[in-house]
Amino acid sequence: MTAHTQEAGVHEFERAWLEEAIQLATTSVANGGGPFGALIAKDGEIIATGNNRVTSTLDPVAHAEVSAIRAACRQLGEFTLEGYTLITSCEPCPMCLSAALWARVDRVVFSADRHDAAVAGFDDREFYDLFEKRPASMWPMAVDQLDLPNRTAPFDAWVAKADRVDY
């Protein structure tokens, strides 16, 4: 996963949104949260915001980006954010980037990067390396498959369900 710096094509409102995400992150720190802020926007309008609430809620996945995605989906009554942009104060970690992919946001815009975060004690570089370079045998936790005869039963039920909502 590599990010690229892009100045051309950045709209002025995106700069304002990024300033807002940075302010959300700064306010989060003052309110006992982590130093990350994010928002979901489209057509010049902010749909939802989120900040890091990992320690305040004892939820290891309550990152700003995930919080903003959850809030936007609730606000819109949808589980997809096609056509929307995720604006975040810092480069999304692999989990948050995956959440953005699952939500199908069109674009992610961030300011601080993983190296800036590491200086402040939020060193996710190990996770980036884990997914980019290390074979599963070198991961810090075991990931094993136990092949049971009924392993596809949930998928079989899903495929057979006539009124399922595909995503």
Protein backbone atom coordinates (compact mmCIF):
# COMPACT_ATOMS: atom_id res chain seq x y z
CA MET A 1 0.00 0.00 0.00
CA THR A 2 1.52 3.26 -1.03
CA ALA A 3 0.13 6.74 -0.79
CA HIS A 4 0.94 9.55 -3.08
CA THR A 5 0.96 13.28 -2.56
CA GLN A 6 -1.47 15.07 -4.79
CA GLU A 7 -1.83 18.81 -5.03
CA ALA A 8 -3.35 19.09 -8.48
CA GLY A 9 -7.02 18.20 -8.45
CA VAL A 10 -7.49 18.92 -4.75
CA HIS A 11 -10.54 21.10 -4.36
CA GLU A 12 -10.49 24.05 -1.98
CA PHE A 13 -13.32 22.53 0.08
CA GLU A 14 -11.17 19.42 0.58
CA ARG A 15 -8.54 21.59 2.23
CA ALA A 16 -11.23 22.98 4.54
CA TRP A 17 -12.46 19.46 5.29
CA LEU A 18 -8.91 18.37 6.09
CA GLU A 19 -8.55 21.35 8.44
CA GLU A 20 -11.78 20.21 10.11
CA ALA A 21 -10.47 16.64 10.45
CA ILE A 22 -7.30 18.00 12.07
CA GLN A 23 -9.43 20.09 14.44
CA LEU A 24 -11.55 17.01 15.28
CA ALA A 25 -8.32 15.16 16.11
CA THR A 26 -7.03 17.98 18.29
CA THR A 27 -10.37 18.29 20.10
CA SER A 28 -10.40 14.52 20.57
CA VAL A 29 -7.14 14.75 22.52
CA ALA A 30 -8.58 17.47 24.75
CA ASN A 31 -11.63 15.26 25.42
CA GLY A 32 -9.68 12.11 26.32
CA GLY A 33 -9.64 10.48 22.89
CA GLY A 34 -6.80 9.73 20.52
CA PRO A 35 -5.24 12.28 18.13
CA PHE A 36 -7.16 11.27 15.01
CA GLY A 37 -10.19 12.80 13.31
CA ALA A 38 -12.09 11.91 10.16
CA LEU A 39 -15.15 12.85 8.18
CA ILE A 40 -17.21 11.59 5.27
CA ALA A 41 -18.22 14.13 2.65
CA LYS A 42 -19.84 14.44 -0.77
CA ASP A 43 -20.83 17.27 -3.06
CA GLY A 44 -19.36 19.92 -0.78
CA GLU A 45 -21.25 18.63 2.28
CA ILE A 46 -19.96 16.86 5.38
CA ILE A 47 -22.20 13.87 6.09
CA ALA A 48 -20.61 12.59 9.31
CA THR A 49 -17.56 12.96 11.52
CA GLY A 50 -15.63 10.69 13.81
CA ASN A 51 -12.70 10.77 16.18
CA ASN A 52 -10.53 8.13 17.78
CA ARG A 53 -12.29 6.64 20.82
CA VAL A 54 -10.18 3.53 21.41
CA THR A 55 -9.19 4.23 25.00
CA SER A 56 -12.31 6.14 26.02
CA THR A 57 -14.63 3.31 24.92
CA LEU A 58 -12.21 0.39 25.39
CA ASP A 59 -12.85 -0.50 21.74
CA PRO A 60 -9.67 -1.31 19.77
CA VAL A 61 -11.43 -0.69 16.44
CA ALA A 62 -12.96 2.68 17.38
CA HIS A 63 -10.55 4.53 15.10
CA ALA A 64 -11.64 7.90 13.70
CA GLU A 65 -12.14 6.56 10.19
CA VAL A 66 -14.25 3.62 11.36
CA SER A 67 -16.28 5.93 13.59
CA ALA A 68 -16.92 8.32 10.69
CA ILE A 69 -17.84 5.48 8.33
CA ARG A 70 -20.27 4.03 10.89
CA ALA A 71 -21.86 7.43 11.54
CA ALA A 72 -22.23 8.17 7.81
CA CYS A 73 -23.83 4.81 7.10
CA ARG A 74 -26.30 5.32 9.95
CA GLN A 75 -27.05 8.85 8.77
CA LEU A 76 -27.65 7.70 5.20
CA GLY A 77 -29.37 4.42 6.05
CA GLU A 78 -26.91 2.60 3.77
CA PHE A 79 -23.97 0.25 4.18
CA THR A 80 -22.09 1.60 1.19
CA LEU A 81 -20.53 5.01 0.69
CA GLU A 82 -20.04 4.97 -3.06
CA GLY A 83 -19.49 8.50 -4.30
CA TYR A 84 -18.22 9.73 -0.93
CA THR A 85 -14.80 10.86 0.23
CA LEU A 86 -13.12 9.92 3.51
CA ILE A 87 -11.09 12.85 4.82
CA THR A 88 -8.80 11.98 7.71
CA SER A 89 -6.21 13.80 9.75
CA CYS A 90 -3.70 10.98 9.33
CA GLU A 91 -2.97 8.21 6.85
CA PRO A 92 -5.40 5.39 7.56
CA CYS A 93 -3.96 2.28 9.18
CA PRO A 94 -4.48 -1.00 7.29
CA MET A 95 -7.70 -1.70 9.25
CA CYS A 96 -9.17 1.71 8.45
CA LEU A 97 -8.11 1.51 4.83
CA SER A 98 -9.81 -1.89 4.65
CA ALA A 99 -12.96 -0.40 6.22
CA ALA A 100 -12.91 2.34 3.57
CA LEU A 101 -12.60 -0.31 0.88
CA TRP A 102 -15.51 -2.30 2.34
CA ALA A 103 -17.59 0.88 2.55
CA ARG A 104 -16.61 1.53 -1.07
CA VAL A 105 -15.68 5.18 -0.57
CA ASP A 106 -14.44 6.75 -3.78
CA ARG A 107 -11.45 8.54 -2.34
CA VAL A 108 -9.35 8.94 0.79
CA VAL A 109 -7.58 12.22 1.56
CA PHE A 110 -5.20 12.54 4.53
CA SER A 111 -2.55 14.90 5.86
CA ALA A 112 -0.13 13.40 8.42
CA ASP A 113 1.37 10.07 7.41
CA ARG A 114 2.31 6.84 9.20
CA HIS A 115 5.76 8.22 10.02
CA ASP A 116 4.30 11.32 11.67
CA ALA A 117 2.06 9.03 13.74
CA ALA A 118 5.02 6.87 14.74
CA VAL A 119 6.87 9.88 16.16
CA ALA A 120 3.89 10.43 18.49
CA GLY A 121 3.89 6.79 19.61
CA PHE A 122 1.31 5.43 17.15
CA ASP A 123 3.58 3.16 15.19
CA ASP A 124 1.42 1.17 12.79
CA ARG A 125 4.35 0.59 10.44
CA GLU A 126 4.62 -2.96 11.78
CA PHE A 127 1.09 -3.64 10.54
CA TYR A 128 1.80 -2.14 7.13
CA ASP A 129 4.91 -4.33 6.91
CA LEU A 130 2.96 -7.35 8.09
CA PHE A 131 0.49 -7.09 5.22
CA GLU A 132 2.98 -5.94 2.62
CA LYS A 133 6.04 -8.09 3.24
CA ARG A 134 5.75 -10.85 5.80
CA PRO A 135 4.45 -14.31 5.08
CA ALA A 136 1.80 -15.50 7.54
CA SER A 137 4.37 -17.76 9.19
CA MET A 138 6.17 -14.64 10.49
CA TRP A 139 3.10 -12.89 11.92
CA PRO A 140 3.01 -12.12 15.67
CA MET A 141 -0.10 -14.29 16.04
CA ALA A 142 -1.04 -17.66 14.63
CA VAL A 143 -3.63 -17.75 11.86
CA ASP A 144 -4.76 -21.30 11.26
CA GLN A 145 -7.54 -22.93 9.28
CA LEU A 146 -9.38 -25.93 10.67
CA ASP A 147 -11.16 -27.58 7.74
CA LEU A 148 -14.57 -28.76 9.00
CA PRO A 149 -17.04 -30.58 6.74
CA ASN A 150 -19.73 -27.91 7.25
CA ARG A 151 -17.39 -24.96 6.73
CA THR A 152 -19.47 -23.56 3.85
CA ALA A 153 -22.89 -23.97 5.56
CA PRO A 154 -23.29 -20.22 6.24
CA PHE A 155 -22.42 -19.41 2.62
CA ASP A 156 -24.74 -22.10 1.34
CA ALA A 157 -27.56 -20.59 3.42
CA TRP A 158 -26.68 -17.13 2.09
CA VAL A 159 -26.71 -18.21 -1.55
CA ALA A 160 -30.02 -20.04 -1.05
CA LYS A 161 -31.68 -17.02 0.62
CA ALA A 162 -33.91 -15.44 -2.03
CA ASP A 163 -34.38 -12.13 -0.19
CA ARG A 164 -30.72 -11.49 0.66
CA VAL A 165 -29.26 -8.01 0.21
CA ASP A 166 -26.09 -8.41 -1.83
CA TYR A 167 -23.09 -6.23 -1.10
